[in-house]
Amino acid sequence: MRIAPAAGLLLVALCELALPAFGQDASTVRAQTTASSAITQAGREEILSTVVTGFTPYLLSENSRVVVIDFPSLREQARMFGRVVLFVERHGAPKTRVMTQSEVQQWLEQHAQRIETLTVGNNFRASQLARFFNTARLQDVALSGDEQQLRDWLLQAGLLRPVDTTLVASEPETVIITLPQVSAVPGCVACTVKDAHRKVILEHELSHAHFSTDAHYRDYVMSFWSGMASQASGGKFAHFLRKRGYNADDQELLANEMQAFLMHTPDVKMFAASAVGMTDAELDAIRRQFREGWEAQQRAER
């Protein structure tokens, strides 16, 4: 097991780079085209085996368009990404404005949630994060300290860049995924993350990164999801995802989550056939259909 550098050292090193003025044209900001190379590269096994005590980003060795951010626990992860989760994917939360902190607290109370229990892992395209920050700025909604840290780091790492008064995703667009360490949060039983959970969380989130960075796979998943819509299995999966709080109006989000749960959540404690109202045999049949269809498409494309 490897111990990562002391908490925040990598972030501090990156933040020592000169942060450009928000409205500065990107063509004049040399650091932002090269800073991402300063992110430590690591493969999934190295990430899983490394103990961290603070915000720790990695550039995934297997896919250079994927950045993995490791957090000490769900608490730190939620403080940085909780409001983004509500803005991007939670059903019933506004999608055209950023909620204030007091509105977030009201929403959580109404839905019997804590900010830490919204998600166990996250995946966002850089453009989604840019939209969150741009919307907050236009509304004059204050960012939390953790959200400011995220925005500043994304700029320093070159994953976002300023264009006039807005932020845009750098090309090629990066996918940012997050996961917590094996950990516990005092007073929150549901926030406990065990070693087996951590492995499944990373596999689940990496499948989202595959969806976002591989157009052929994304097209296949969307087609498969569209085909499921006319079948009972599609209705059951959609109901399952709505119950988990995903935005039912976002078909790409639902398709992305379907493939991640169906094919990349191999722990019945985290995803079981009964959760979607199916038997094990029924769910296995859908998995087989998905796998065989994808393999056939790959053969056809060779």
C-alpha atoms as a PDB file:
ATOM      1  CA  MET A   1       0.000   0.000   0.000  1.00  0.00           C
ATOM      2  CA  ARG A   2       1.433   3.380  -1.024  1.00  0.00           C
ATOM      3  CA  ILE A   3       1.033   6.556   1.007  1.00  0.00           C
ATOM      4  CA  ALA A   4       0.416   9.672  -1.060  1.00  0.00           C
ATOM      5  CA  PRO A   5       2.217  12.944  -0.291  1.00  0.00           C
ATOM      6  CA  ALA A   6       0.892  15.005   2.586  1.00  0.00           C
ATOM      7  CA  ALA A   7      -2.597  16.413   2.107  1.00  0.00           C
ATOM      8  CA  GLY A   8      -2.826  19.109  -0.506  1.00  0.00           C
ATOM      9  CA  LEU A   9       0.849  19.132  -1.552  1.00  0.00           C
ATOM     10  CA  LEU A  10       0.082  18.442  -5.196  1.00  0.00           C
ATOM     11  CA  LEU A  11      -2.694  21.022  -5.178  1.00  0.00           C
ATOM     12  CA  VAL A  12      -0.434  23.607  -3.545  1.00  0.00           C
ATOM     13  CA  ALA A  13       2.273  22.938  -6.113  1.00  0.00           C
ATOM     14  CA  LEU A  14      -0.175  23.506  -8.933  1.00  0.00           C
ATOM     15  CA  CYS A  15      -1.629  26.612  -7.323  1.00  0.00           C
ATOM     16  CA  GLU A  16       1.823  28.196  -7.181  1.00  0.00           C
ATOM     17  CA  LEU A  17       1.444  28.691 -10.915  1.00  0.00           C
ATOM     18  CA  ALA A  18       0.239  32.201 -11.737  1.00  0.00           C
ATOM     19  CA  LEU A  19      -3.560  32.127 -11.794  1.00  0.00           C
ATOM     20  CA  PRO A  20      -4.779  34.174 -14.783  1.00  0.00           C
ATOM     21  CA  ALA A  21      -7.345  36.910 -14.388  1.00  0.00           C
ATOM     22  CA  PHE A  22     -10.799  35.500 -14.992  1.00  0.00           C
ATOM     23  CA  GLY A  23     -11.393  37.551 -18.126  1.00  0.00           C
ATOM     24  CA  GLN A  24      -7.929  37.025 -19.609  1.00  0.00           C
ATOM     25  CA  ASP A  25      -7.913  35.502 -23.083  1.00  0.00           C
ATOM     26  CA  ALA A  26      -6.877  31.858 -23.047  1.00  0.00           C
ATOM     27  CA  SER A  27      -4.372  32.315 -25.862  1.00  0.00           C
ATOM     28  CA  THR A  28      -2.201  34.387 -23.517  1.00  0.00           C
ATOM     29  CA  VAL A  29      -2.244  31.875 -20.679  1.00  0.00           C
ATOM     30  CA  ARG A  30       0.672  29.554 -21.371  1.00  0.00           C
ATOM     31  CA  ALA A  31       0.490  27.711 -18.044  1.00  0.00           C
ATOM     32  CA  GLN A  32      -2.986  26.426 -18.692  1.00  0.00           C
ATOM     33  CA  THR A  33      -1.966  24.483 -21.766  1.00  0.00           C
ATOM     34  CA  THR A  34       0.743  22.620 -19.915  1.00  0.00           C
ATOM     35  CA  ALA A  35      -0.300  22.371 -16.260  1.00  0.00           C
ATOM     36  CA  SER A  36      -2.309  19.177 -16.721  1.00  0.00           C
ATOM     37  CA  SER A  37       0.957  17.372 -17.421  1.00  0.00           C
ATOM     38  CA  ALA A  38       1.884  18.090 -13.793  1.00  0.00           C
ATOM     39  CA  ILE A  39      -0.919  15.854 -12.511  1.00  0.00           C
ATOM     40  CA  THR A  40       0.460  12.543 -11.283  1.00  0.00           C
ATOM     41  CA  GLN A  41      -0.340   9.668 -13.651  1.00  0.00           C
ATOM     42  CA  ALA A  42      -1.610   6.440 -12.118  1.00  0.00           C
ATOM     43  CA  GLY A  43      -3.447   3.294 -13.125  1.00  0.00           C
ATOM     44  CA  ARG A  44      -6.564   2.043 -11.415  1.00  0.00           C
ATOM     45  CA  GLU A  45      -4.745  -0.478  -9.210  1.00  0.00           C
ATOM     46  CA  GLU A  46      -2.279   2.131  -7.995  1.00  0.00           C
ATOM     47  CA  ILE A  47      -5.125   4.526  -7.233  1.00  0.00           C
ATOM     48  CA  LEU A  48      -6.993   1.862  -5.278  1.00  0.00           C
ATOM     49  CA  SER A  49      -3.955   0.924  -3.207  1.00  0.00           C
ATOM     50  CA  THR A  50      -2.803   4.443  -2.349  1.00  0.00           C
ATOM     51  CA  VAL A  51      -3.816   6.028   0.960  1.00  0.00           C
ATOM     52  CA  VAL A  52      -4.472   9.771   0.746  1.00  0.00           C
ATOM     53  CA  THR A  53      -5.273  12.329   3.414  1.00  0.00           C
ATOM     54  CA  GLY A  54      -6.445  15.186   1.209  1.00  0.00           C
ATOM     55  CA  PHE A  55      -7.641  16.202  -2.265  1.00  0.00           C
ATOM     56  CA  THR A  56      -5.503  14.038  -4.579  1.00  0.00           C
ATOM     57  CA  PRO A  57      -5.916  14.148  -8.383  1.00  0.00           C
ATOM     58  CA  TYR A  58      -4.555  11.609 -10.846  1.00  0.00           C
ATOM     59  CA  LEU A  59      -4.397  11.483 -14.617  1.00  0.00           C
ATOM     60  CA  LEU A  60      -5.577   7.978 -15.459  1.00  0.00           C
ATOM     61  CA  SER A  61      -2.825   6.006 -17.196  1.00  0.00           C
ATOM     62  CA  GLU A  62      -5.324   3.976 -19.202  1.00  0.00           C
ATOM     63  CA  ASN A  63      -7.137   7.041 -20.579  1.00  0.00           C
ATOM     64  CA  SER A  64      -5.485  10.473 -20.595  1.00  0.00           C
ATOM     65  CA  ARG A  65      -8.859  12.206 -20.900  1.00  0.00           C
ATOM     66  CA  VAL A  66      -9.869  10.990 -17.440  1.00  0.00           C
ATOM     67  CA  VAL A  67      -8.902  12.655 -14.172  1.00  0.00           C
ATOM     68  CA  VAL A  68      -9.605  10.777 -10.941  1.00  0.00           C
ATOM     69  CA  ILE A  69      -9.866  12.791  -7.724  1.00  0.00           C
ATOM     70  CA  ASP A  70      -9.428  10.794  -4.529  1.00  0.00           C
ATOM     71  CA  PHE A  71     -10.856  12.116  -1.254  1.00  0.00           C
ATOM     72  CA  PRO A  72     -10.255  11.042   2.362  1.00  0.00           C
ATOM     73  CA  SER A  73     -13.983  10.399   2.890  1.00  0.00           C
ATOM     74  CA  LEU A  74     -17.463  11.099   1.573  1.00  0.00           C
ATOM     75  CA  ARG A  75     -17.540  14.273   3.668  1.00  0.00           C
ATOM     76  CA  GLU A  76     -14.708  15.999   1.799  1.00  0.00           C
ATOM     77  CA  GLN A  77     -16.024  14.751  -1.536  1.00  0.00           C
ATOM     78  CA  ALA A  78     -19.520  16.082  -0.812  1.00  0.00           C
ATOM     79  CA  ARG A  79     -18.314  19.468   0.381  1.00  0.00           C
ATOM     80  CA  MET A  80     -16.651  20.035  -2.976  1.00  0.00           C
ATOM     81  CA  PHE A  81     -19.142  18.353  -5.322  1.00  0.00           C
ATOM     82  CA  GLY A  82     -22.490  18.156  -3.490  1.00  0.00           C
ATOM     83  CA  ARG A  83     -23.998  21.289  -4.991  1.00  0.00           C
ATOM     84  CA  VAL A  84     -22.704  20.295  -8.439  1.00  0.00           C
ATOM     85  CA  VAL A  85     -24.503  16.940  -8.082  1.00  0.00           C
ATOM     86  CA  LEU A  86     -27.775  18.731  -7.370  1.00  0.00           C
ATOM     87  CA  PHE A  87     -27.278  21.133 -10.287  1.00  0.00           C
ATOM     88  CA  VAL A  88     -26.327  18.528 -12.885  1.00  0.00           C
ATOM     89  CA  GLU A  89     -28.229  15.343 -12.131  1.00  0.00           C
ATOM     90  CA  ARG A  90     -30.633  15.368  -9.179  1.00  0.00           C
ATOM     91  CA  HIS A  91     -34.317  15.189 -10.091  1.00  0.00           C
ATOM     92  CA  GLY A  92     -36.316  18.016  -8.557  1.00  0.00           C
ATOM     93  CA  ALA A  93     -33.327  20.322  -8.135  1.00  0.00           C
ATOM     94  CA  PRO A  94     -33.060  23.391 -10.427  1.00  0.00           C
ATOM     95  CA  LYS A  95     -31.083  22.832 -13.610  1.00  0.00           C
ATOM     96  CA  THR A  96     -30.886  26.450 -14.795  1.00  0.00           C
ATOM     97  CA  ARG A  97     -29.712  28.046 -11.563  1.00  0.00           C
ATOM     98  CA  VAL A  98     -27.442  27.163  -8.654  1.00  0.00           C
ATOM     99  CA  MET A  99     -29.204  26.811  -5.325  1.00  0.00           C
ATOM    100  CA  THR A 100     -28.000  28.879  -2.405  1.00  0.00           C
ATOM    101  CA  GLN A 101     -26.586  27.037   0.592  1.00  0.00           C
ATOM    102  CA  SER A 102     -29.818  27.592   2.532  1.00  0.00           C
ATOM    103  CA  GLU A 103     -31.852  26.212  -0.383  1.00  0.00           C
ATOM    104  CA  VAL A 104     -29.578  23.173  -0.509  1.00  0.00           C
ATOM    105  CA  GLN A 105     -30.187  22.531   3.175  1.00  0.00           C
ATOM    106  CA  GLN A 106     -33.949  22.815   2.687  1.00  0.00           C
ATOM    107  CA  TRP A 107     -33.813  20.427  -0.288  1.00  0.00           C
ATOM    108  CA  LEU A 108     -31.821  17.888   1.713  1.00  0.00           C
ATOM    109  CA  GLU A 109     -34.271  18.056   4.608  1.00  0.00           C
ATOM    110  CA  GLN A 110     -37.262  17.641   2.282  1.00  0.00           C
ATOM    111  CA  HIS A 111     -35.672  14.563   0.709  1.00  0.00           C
ATOM    112  CA  ALA A 112     -34.356  13.075   3.977  1.00  0.00           C
ATOM    113  CA  GLN A 113     -30.787  13.314   2.695  1.00  0.00           C
ATOM    114  CA  ARG A 114     -27.425  14.532   3.859  1.00  0.00           C
ATOM    115  CA  ILE A 115     -25.006  16.181   1.478  1.00  0.00           C
ATOM    116  CA  GLU A 116     -22.683  13.178   2.021  1.00  0.00           C
ATOM    117  CA  THR A 117     -25.341  10.649   0.994  1.00  0.00           C
ATOM    118  CA  LEU A 118     -26.202  12.155  -2.392  1.00  0.00           C
ATOM    119  CA  THR A 119     -23.553  10.041  -4.128  1.00  0.00           C
ATOM    120  CA  VAL A 120     -20.710   7.688  -3.267  1.00  0.00           C
ATOM    121  CA  GLY A 121     -18.780   8.629  -6.404  1.00  0.00           C
ATOM    122  CA  ASN A 122     -19.089  11.269  -9.107  1.00  0.00           C
ATOM    123  CA  ASN A 123     -18.498  11.753 -12.797  1.00  0.00           C
ATOM    124  CA  PHE A 124     -18.714  15.053 -14.621  1.00  0.00           C
ATOM    125  CA  ARG A 125     -17.606  16.336 -17.979  1.00  0.00           C
ATOM    126  CA  ALA A 126     -15.482  19.445 -17.678  1.00  0.00           C
ATOM    127  CA  SER A 127     -18.163  21.387 -19.573  1.00  0.00           C
ATOM    128  CA  GLN A 128     -20.718  20.536 -16.879  1.00  0.00           C
ATOM    129  CA  LEU A 129     -18.428  21.964 -14.225  1.00  0.00           C
ATOM    130  CA  ALA A 130     -17.885  25.059 -16.369  1.00  0.00           C
ATOM    131  CA  ARG A 131     -21.652  25.534 -16.633  1.00  0.00           C
ATOM    132  CA  PHE A 132     -22.010  25.269 -12.850  1.00  0.00           C
ATOM    133  CA  PHE A 133     -19.381  27.948 -12.242  1.00  0.00           C
ATOM    134  CA  ASN A 134     -20.664  30.203 -15.037  1.00  0.00           C
ATOM    135  CA  THR A 135     -24.231  29.965 -13.733  1.00  0.00           C
ATOM    136  CA  ALA A 136     -23.175  30.726 -10.166  1.00  0.00           C
ATOM    137  CA  ARG A 137     -21.214  33.746 -11.380  1.00  0.00           C
ATOM    138  CA  LEU A 138     -24.111  35.098 -13.467  1.00  0.00           C
ATOM    139  CA  GLN A 139     -26.442  34.700 -10.489  1.00  0.00           C
ATOM    140  CA  ASP A 140     -23.886  36.207  -8.135  1.00  0.00           C
ATOM    141  CA  VAL A 141     -24.219  33.115  -5.933  1.00  0.00           C
ATOM    142  CA  ALA A 142     -21.216  32.741  -3.660  1.00  0.00           C
ATOM    143  CA  LEU A 143     -19.076  29.636  -4.025  1.00  0.00           C
ATOM    144  CA  SER A 144     -18.037  27.726  -0.937  1.00  0.00           C
ATOM    145  CA  GLY A 145     -14.351  27.510  -0.110  1.00  0.00           C
ATOM    146  CA  ASP A 146     -14.233  23.952  -1.450  1.00  0.00           C
ATOM    147  CA  GLU A 147     -15.975  24.958  -4.694  1.00  0.00           C
ATOM    148  CA  GLN A 148     -13.519  27.832  -5.151  1.00  0.00           C
ATOM    149  CA  GLN A 149     -10.669  25.383  -4.613  1.00  0.00           C
ATOM    150  CA  LEU A 150     -12.111  23.115  -7.317  1.00  0.00           C
ATOM    151  CA  ARG A 151     -12.572  25.969  -9.794  1.00  0.00           C
ATOM    152  CA  ASP A 152      -9.074  27.320  -9.230  1.00  0.00           C
ATOM    153  CA  TRP A 153      -7.525  23.878  -9.560  1.00  0.00           C
ATOM    154  CA  LEU A 154      -9.426  23.150 -12.794  1.00  0.00           C
ATOM    155  CA  LEU A 155      -8.016  26.376 -14.224  1.00  0.00           C
ATOM    156  CA  GLN A 156      -4.492  25.686 -13.021  1.00  0.00           C
ATOM    157  CA  ALA A 157      -4.596  22.151 -14.390  1.00  0.00           C
ATOM    158  CA  GLY A 158      -5.765  23.447 -17.760  1.00  0.00           C
ATOM    159  CA  LEU A 159      -9.007  21.459 -17.709  1.00  0.00           C
ATOM    160  CA  LEU A 160     -11.019  24.686 -17.890  1.00  0.00           C
ATOM    161  CA  ARG A 161      -9.930  27.912 -19.552  1.00  0.00           C
ATOM    162  CA  PRO A 162     -11.307  31.457 -19.442  1.00  0.00           C
ATOM    163  CA  VAL A 163     -12.814  33.003 -22.561  1.00  0.00           C
ATOM    164  CA  ASP A 164     -13.808  36.614 -21.971  1.00  0.00           C
ATOM    165  CA  THR A 165     -15.923  36.403 -18.812  1.00  0.00           C
ATOM    166  CA  THR A 166     -16.865  32.717 -18.952  1.00  0.00           C
ATOM    167  CA  LEU A 167     -15.193  29.375 -18.400  1.00  0.00           C
ATOM    168  CA  VAL A 168     -15.101  26.705 -21.101  1.00  0.00           C
ATOM    169  CA  ALA A 169     -13.780  23.159 -21.200  1.00  0.00           C
ATOM    170  CA  SER A 170     -10.394  22.721 -22.826  1.00  0.00           C
ATOM    171  CA  GLU A 171     -10.171  20.389 -25.818  1.00  0.00           C
ATOM    172  CA  PRO A 172     -10.189  17.453 -25.845  1.00  0.00           C
ATOM    173  CA  GLU A 173     -12.706  17.584 -23.032  1.00  0.00           C
ATOM    174  CA  THR A 174     -11.735  15.846 -19.816  1.00  0.00           C
ATOM    175  CA  VAL A 175     -13.977  13.718 -17.624  1.00  0.00           C
ATOM    176  CA  ILE A 176     -13.520  14.165 -13.886  1.00  0.00           C
ATOM    177  CA  ILE A 177     -14.478  11.275 -11.632  1.00  0.00           C
ATOM    178  CA  THR A 178     -14.226  11.109  -7.860  1.00  0.00           C
ATOM    179  CA  LEU A 179     -14.200   8.470  -5.157  1.00  0.00           C
ATOM    180  CA  PRO A 180     -13.584   8.304  -1.398  1.00  0.00           C
ATOM    181  CA  GLN A 181     -11.008   6.367   0.557  1.00  0.00           C
ATOM    182  CA  VAL A 182     -11.951   3.494   2.847  1.00  0.00           C
ATOM    183  CA  SER A 183     -13.402   5.628   5.616  1.00  0.00           C
ATOM    184  CA  ALA A 184     -16.227   6.512   7.973  1.00  0.00           C
ATOM    185  CA  VAL A 185     -18.005   9.775   8.762  1.00  0.00           C
ATOM    186  CA  PRO A 186     -18.972  10.262  12.420  1.00  0.00           C
ATOM    187  CA  GLY A 187     -22.736  10.203  12.870  1.00  0.00           C
ATOM    188  CA  CYS A 188     -23.445   8.829   9.379  1.00  0.00           C
ATOM    189  CA  VAL A 189     -23.682   5.046   9.125  1.00  0.00           C
ATOM    190  CA  ALA A 190     -24.547   5.273   5.414  1.00  0.00           C
ATOM    191  CA  CYS A 191     -21.292   7.158   4.796  1.00  0.00           C
ATOM    192  CA  THR A 192     -19.055   4.202   5.659  1.00  0.00           C
ATOM    193  CA  VAL A 193     -16.890   3.065   2.738  1.00  0.00           C
ATOM    194  CA  LYS A 194     -15.239  -0.352   2.891  1.00  0.00           C
ATOM    195  CA  ASP A 195     -12.467  -1.682   0.668  1.00  0.00           C
ATOM    196  CA  ALA A 196     -14.898  -3.695  -1.466  1.00  0.00           C
ATOM    197  CA  HIS A 197     -17.094  -0.596  -1.899  1.00  0.00           C
ATOM    198  CA  ARG A 198     -14.150   1.504  -3.057  1.00  0.00           C
ATOM    199  CA  LYS A 199     -13.256  -0.969  -5.801  1.00  0.00           C
ATOM    200  CA  VAL A 200     -16.826  -1.083  -7.100  1.00  0.00           C
ATOM    201  CA  ILE A 201     -17.199   2.703  -6.915  1.00  0.00           C
ATOM    202  CA  LEU A 202     -14.094   3.159  -9.066  1.00  0.00           C
ATOM    203  CA  GLU A 203     -15.239   0.574 -11.627  1.00  0.00           C
ATOM    204  CA  HIS A 204     -18.694   2.171 -11.783  1.00  0.00           C
ATOM    205  CA  GLU A 205     -17.307   5.683 -12.249  1.00  0.00           C
ATOM    206  CA  LEU A 206     -14.709   4.592 -14.805  1.00  0.00           C
ATOM    207  CA  SER A 207     -17.526   3.139 -16.902  1.00  0.00           C
ATOM    208  CA  HIS A 208     -19.054   6.625 -16.970  1.00  0.00           C
ATOM    209  CA  ALA A 209     -15.722   7.962 -18.182  1.00  0.00           C
ATOM    210  CA  HIS A 210     -15.733   5.317 -20.939  1.00  0.00           C
ATOM    211  CA  PHE A 211     -19.229   6.436 -21.932  1.00  0.00           C
ATOM    212  CA  SER A 212     -18.168  10.078 -22.130  1.00  0.00           C
ATOM    213  CA  THR A 213     -14.861   9.588 -23.968  1.00  0.00           C
ATOM    214  CA  ASP A 214     -15.743   6.790 -26.433  1.00  0.00           C
ATOM    215  CA  ALA A 215     -18.322   7.967 -28.967  1.00  0.00           C
ATOM    216  CA  HIS A 216     -18.863   4.457 -30.382  1.00  0.00           C
ATOM    217  CA  TYR A 217     -19.622   3.033 -26.941  1.00  0.00           C
ATOM    218  CA  ARG A 218     -21.861   5.986 -26.096  1.00  0.00           C
ATOM    219  CA  ASP A 219     -23.851   5.538 -29.311  1.00  0.00           C
ATOM    220  CA  TYR A 220     -24.257   1.834 -28.571  1.00  0.00           C
ATOM    221  CA  VAL A 221     -25.467   2.505 -25.024  1.00  0.00           C
ATOM    222  CA  MET A 222     -27.953   5.123 -26.214  1.00  0.00           C
ATOM    223  CA  SER A 223     -29.286   2.709 -28.835  1.00  0.00           C
ATOM    224  CA  PHE A 224     -29.563  -0.095 -26.281  1.00  0.00           C
ATOM    225  CA  TRP A 225     -31.379   2.198 -23.845  1.00  0.00           C
ATOM    226  CA  SER A 226     -33.750   3.342 -26.577  1.00  0.00           C
ATOM    227  CA  GLY A 227     -34.530  -0.296 -27.371  1.00  0.00           C
ATOM    228  CA  MET A 228     -35.225  -1.007 -23.698  1.00  0.00           C
ATOM    229  CA  ALA A 229     -37.793   1.807 -23.572  1.00  0.00           C
ATOM    230  CA  SER A 230     -40.462  -0.316 -25.259  1.00  0.00           C
ATOM    231  CA  GLN A 231     -39.847  -3.280 -22.956  1.00  0.00           C
ATOM    232  CA  ALA A 232     -40.808  -3.931 -19.357  1.00  0.00           C
ATOM    233  CA  SER A 233     -37.121  -4.005 -18.418  1.00  0.00           C
ATOM    234  CA  GLY A 234     -36.711  -0.423 -19.592  1.00  0.00           C
ATOM    235  CA  GLY A 235     -39.569   0.772 -17.431  1.00  0.00           C
ATOM    236  CA  LYS A 236     -38.176  -1.062 -14.418  1.00  0.00           C
ATOM    237  CA  PHE A 237     -34.723   0.411 -14.898  1.00  0.00           C
ATOM    238  CA  ALA A 238     -36.107   3.917 -15.394  1.00  0.00           C
ATOM    239  CA  HIS A 239     -38.163   3.559 -12.200  1.00  0.00           C
ATOM    240  CA  PHE A 240     -35.083   2.349 -10.309  1.00  0.00           C
ATOM    241  CA  LEU A 241     -33.032   5.330 -11.484  1.00  0.00           C
ATOM    242  CA  ARG A 242     -35.785   7.828 -10.689  1.00  0.00           C
ATOM    243  CA  LYS A 243     -36.059   6.372  -7.175  1.00  0.00           C
ATOM    244  CA  ARG A 244     -32.332   6.956  -6.743  1.00  0.00           C
ATOM    245  CA  GLY A 245     -32.886  10.602  -7.586  1.00  0.00           C
ATOM    246  CA  TYR A 246     -31.536  10.829 -11.144  1.00  0.00           C
ATOM    247  CA  ASN A 247     -33.091  13.443 -13.404  1.00  0.00           C
ATOM    248  CA  ALA A 248     -35.808  11.563 -15.290  1.00  0.00           C
ATOM    249  CA  ASP A 249     -35.833  14.185 -18.059  1.00  0.00           C
ATOM    250  CA  ASP A 250     -32.221  13.513 -19.052  1.00  0.00           C
ATOM    251  CA  GLN A 251     -32.173  10.395 -21.230  1.00  0.00           C
ATOM    252  CA  GLU A 252     -28.401  10.461 -21.707  1.00  0.00           C
ATOM    253  CA  LEU A 253     -27.926  10.515 -17.941  1.00  0.00           C
ATOM    254  CA  LEU A 254     -30.329   7.585 -17.512  1.00  0.00           C
ATOM    255  CA  ALA A 255     -28.635   5.574 -20.274  1.00  0.00           C
ATOM    256  CA  ASN A 256     -25.213   6.266 -18.783  1.00  0.00           C
ATOM    257  CA  GLU A 257     -26.352   5.152 -15.333  1.00  0.00           C
ATOM    258  CA  MET A 258     -28.056   2.075 -16.779  1.00  0.00           C
ATOM    259  CA  GLN A 259     -24.842   0.776 -18.343  1.00  0.00           C
ATOM    260  CA  ALA A 260     -22.850   1.534 -15.186  1.00  0.00           C
ATOM    261  CA  PHE A 261     -25.226  -0.318 -12.873  1.00  0.00           C
ATOM    262  CA  LEU A 262     -25.947  -3.132 -15.320  1.00  0.00           C
ATOM    263  CA  MET A 263     -22.390  -3.932 -16.390  1.00  0.00           C
ATOM    264  CA  HIS A 264     -20.026  -2.293 -13.892  1.00  0.00           C
ATOM    265  CA  THR A 265     -21.463  -2.615 -10.382  1.00  0.00           C
ATOM    266  CA  PRO A 266     -20.572  -6.243  -9.528  1.00  0.00           C
ATOM    267  CA  ASP A 267     -21.617  -6.177  -5.877  1.00  0.00           C
ATOM    268  CA  VAL A 268     -25.138  -7.279  -4.975  1.00  0.00           C
ATOM    269  CA  LYS A 269     -24.963  -5.139  -1.839  1.00  0.00           C
ATOM    270  CA  MET A 270     -24.631  -2.076  -4.055  1.00  0.00           C
ATOM    271  CA  PHE A 271     -26.830  -3.241  -6.943  1.00  0.00           C
ATOM    272  CA  ALA A 272     -29.062  -6.312  -6.908  1.00  0.00           C
ATOM    273  CA  ALA A 273     -31.622  -7.624  -9.386  1.00  0.00           C
ATOM    274  CA  SER A 274     -34.348  -7.098  -6.805  1.00  0.00           C
ATOM    275  CA  ALA A 275     -33.592  -3.356  -6.820  1.00  0.00           C
ATOM    276  CA  VAL A 276     -34.973  -3.167 -10.363  1.00  0.00           C
ATOM    277  CA  GLY A 277     -37.793  -5.625  -9.732  1.00  0.00           C
ATOM    278  CA  MET A 278     -36.141  -8.479 -11.626  1.00  0.00           C
ATOM    279  CA  THR A 279     -34.876 -11.948 -10.888  1.00  0.00           C
ATOM    280  CA  ASP A 280     -31.172 -12.724 -11.159  1.00  0.00           C
ATOM    281  CA  ALA A 281     -31.877 -14.695 -14.328  1.00  0.00           C
ATOM    282  CA  GLU A 282     -33.740 -11.781 -15.925  1.00  0.00           C
ATOM    283  CA  LEU A 283     -30.969  -9.321 -15.111  1.00  0.00           C
ATOM    284  CA  ASP A 284     -28.286 -11.727 -16.340  1.00  0.00           C
ATOM    285  CA  ALA A 285     -30.171 -12.083 -19.635  1.00  0.00           C
ATOM    286  CA  ILE A 286     -30.082  -8.310 -20.147  1.00  0.00           C
ATOM    287  CA  ARG A 287     -26.381  -8.246 -19.285  1.00  0.00           C
ATOM    288  CA  ARG A 288     -25.728 -10.977 -21.834  1.00  0.00           C
ATOM    289  CA  GLN A 289     -27.737  -9.125 -24.470  1.00  0.00           C
ATOM    290  CA  PHE A 290     -25.793  -5.920 -23.784  1.00  0.00           C
ATOM    291  CA  ARG A 291     -22.407  -7.656 -23.866  1.00  0.00           C
ATOM    292  CA  GLU A 292     -23.108  -9.641 -27.029  1.00  0.00           C
ATOM    293  CA  GLY A 293     -24.488  -6.593 -28.818  1.00  0.00           C
ATOM    294  CA  TRP A 294     -21.421  -4.513 -27.964  1.00  0.00           C
ATOM    295  CA  GLU A 295     -19.054  -7.291 -29.019  1.00  0.00           C
ATOM    296  CA  ALA A 296     -20.910  -7.661 -32.324  1.00  0.00           C
ATOM    297  CA  GLN A 297     -20.656  -3.922 -32.977  1.00  0.00           C
ATOM    298  CA  GLN A 298     -16.933  -3.938 -32.249  1.00  0.00           C
ATOM    299  CA  ARG A 299     -16.413  -6.815 -34.707  1.00  0.00           C
ATOM    300  CA  ALA A 300     -18.395  -4.966 -37.355  1.00  0.00           C
ATOM    301  CA  GLU A 301     -16.259  -1.841 -36.921  1.00  0.00           C
ATOM    302  CA  ARG A 302     -12.938  -3.666 -37.425  1.00  0.00           C
END
